[in-house]
Amino acid sequence: MTYLANRTTSLEKVILLGDTNFWQRKGWFMWNNDKKAYEKITEVLSDSSKNISPTSITSFSPDKVFISSDIRVNHIESPRICGRLMDHYPVVFEI
């Protein structure tokens, strides 16, 4: 059992979100280690952000929202709002 699985097994409603630095575009990963880490996380949690538009100005999607199976995401998006010093778009989701 992986570290993440050990930490989340007894928990309900797990949300892991943030800038993962996975340089990913759709199903393609720039770095093999990013893909391996992503696969480990998605063994335990679902990637509810996998179908949103890119979350960075570079057209990659480093920002992720992973959830446990007991959570239902009603809506998720990455609006094209970018402040002067931001290099990522926000991720907004409703559960």
Protein backbone atom coordinates (compact mmCIF):
# COMPACT_ATOMS: atom_id res chain seq x y z
CA MET A 1 0.00 0.00 0.00
CA THR A 2 1.35 3.42 -0.91
CA TYR A 3 1.94 6.24 1.54
CA LEU A 4 -1.06 8.15 0.15
CA ALA A 5 -3.32 5.11 0.45
CA ASN A 6 -2.17 4.61 4.06
CA ARG A 7 -2.87 8.25 4.92
CA THR A 8 -6.34 8.36 3.33
CA THR A 9 -7.81 4.89 3.99
CA SER A 10 -9.58 5.81 7.22
CA LEU A 11 -10.58 9.30 6.06
CA GLU A 12 -13.76 10.49 4.40
CA LYS A 13 -14.00 13.26 1.84
CA VAL A 14 -10.35 13.71 0.88
CA ILE A 15 -9.41 16.64 -1.38
CA LEU A 16 -5.84 17.10 -2.56
CA LEU A 17 -5.40 20.21 -4.65
CA GLY A 18 -2.81 22.67 -5.77
CA ASP A 19 0.06 23.34 -8.10
CA THR A 20 1.47 19.84 -8.58
CA ASN A 21 4.09 20.91 -11.12
CA PHE A 22 3.02 17.97 -13.29
CA TRP A 23 3.87 19.29 -16.74
CA GLN A 24 0.89 17.65 -18.39
CA ARG A 25 -1.19 18.38 -21.46
CA LYS A 26 -4.22 16.09 -21.79
CA GLY A 27 -2.76 12.55 -21.35
CA TRP A 28 0.81 13.50 -22.26
CA PHE A 29 3.48 14.24 -19.64
CA MET A 30 6.67 16.15 -20.34
CA TRP A 31 8.59 14.23 -17.66
CA ASN A 32 8.35 10.50 -16.90
CA ASN A 33 8.53 11.08 -13.12
CA ASP A 34 5.50 13.39 -13.37
CA LYS A 35 3.57 10.59 -15.03
CA LYS A 36 4.64 8.08 -12.37
CA ALA A 37 3.62 10.39 -9.53
CA TYR A 38 0.29 11.15 -11.22
CA GLU A 39 -0.40 7.43 -11.64
CA LYS A 40 0.36 6.78 -7.95
CA ILE A 41 -2.03 9.53 -6.85
CA THR A 42 -4.81 8.37 -9.20
CA GLU A 43 -4.56 4.83 -7.79
CA VAL A 44 -6.16 6.31 -4.66
CA LEU A 45 -7.88 9.56 -5.70
CA SER A 46 -9.72 10.65 -8.86
CA ASP A 47 -8.46 13.57 -10.93
CA SER A 48 -11.55 15.73 -11.21
CA SER A 49 -9.57 18.37 -13.10
CA LYS A 50 -8.43 16.15 -15.98
CA ASN A 51 -10.98 17.54 -18.45
CA ILE A 52 -10.65 21.26 -17.80
CA SER A 53 -8.73 23.61 -20.05
CA PRO A 54 -5.02 24.24 -19.35
CA THR A 55 -4.38 26.01 -16.06
CA SER A 56 -1.25 27.90 -17.07
CA ILE A 57 -0.30 30.42 -19.71
CA THR A 58 2.08 27.77 -21.15
CA SER A 59 -0.90 25.53 -22.10
CA PHE A 60 0.06 22.89 -19.53
CA SER A 61 -2.10 21.84 -16.57
CA PRO A 62 0.03 21.77 -13.41
CA ASP A 63 -2.91 22.67 -11.14
CA LYS A 64 -4.94 19.66 -10.05
CA VAL A 65 -7.92 18.72 -7.91
CA PHE A 66 -7.82 15.10 -6.73
CA ILE A 67 -10.80 13.79 -4.75
CA SER A 68 -11.87 10.63 -2.95
CA SER A 69 -14.69 8.53 -4.39
CA ASP A 70 -17.19 9.80 -1.80
CA ILE A 71 -17.14 13.33 -3.24
CA ARG A 72 -19.11 14.47 -6.25
CA VAL A 73 -17.86 17.53 -8.13
CA ASN A 74 -20.81 19.39 -9.64
CA HIS A 75 -18.78 21.90 -11.64
CA ILE A 76 -15.10 22.59 -12.28
CA GLU A 77 -13.39 25.10 -14.54
CA SER A 78 -10.25 27.12 -15.05
CA PRO A 79 -11.39 30.59 -16.11
CA ARG A 80 -9.01 32.67 -18.20
CA ILE A 81 -8.36 35.22 -15.47
CA CYS A 82 -4.75 36.15 -15.01
CA GLY A 83 -3.42 38.89 -12.78
CA ARG A 84 -0.30 40.88 -13.49
CA LEU A 85 1.99 38.60 -11.49
CA MET A 86 0.17 35.29 -12.04
CA ASP A 87 1.49 32.48 -14.22
CA HIS A 88 -1.52 30.20 -13.59
CA TYR A 89 -5.24 30.52 -14.05
CA PRO A 90 -7.43 29.76 -11.02
CA VAL A 91 -9.22 26.45 -10.64
CA VAL A 92 -12.77 26.83 -9.38
CA PHE A 93 -14.83 23.85 -8.36
CA GLU A 94 -18.16 23.23 -6.65
CA ILE A 95 -18.97 20.13 -4.62
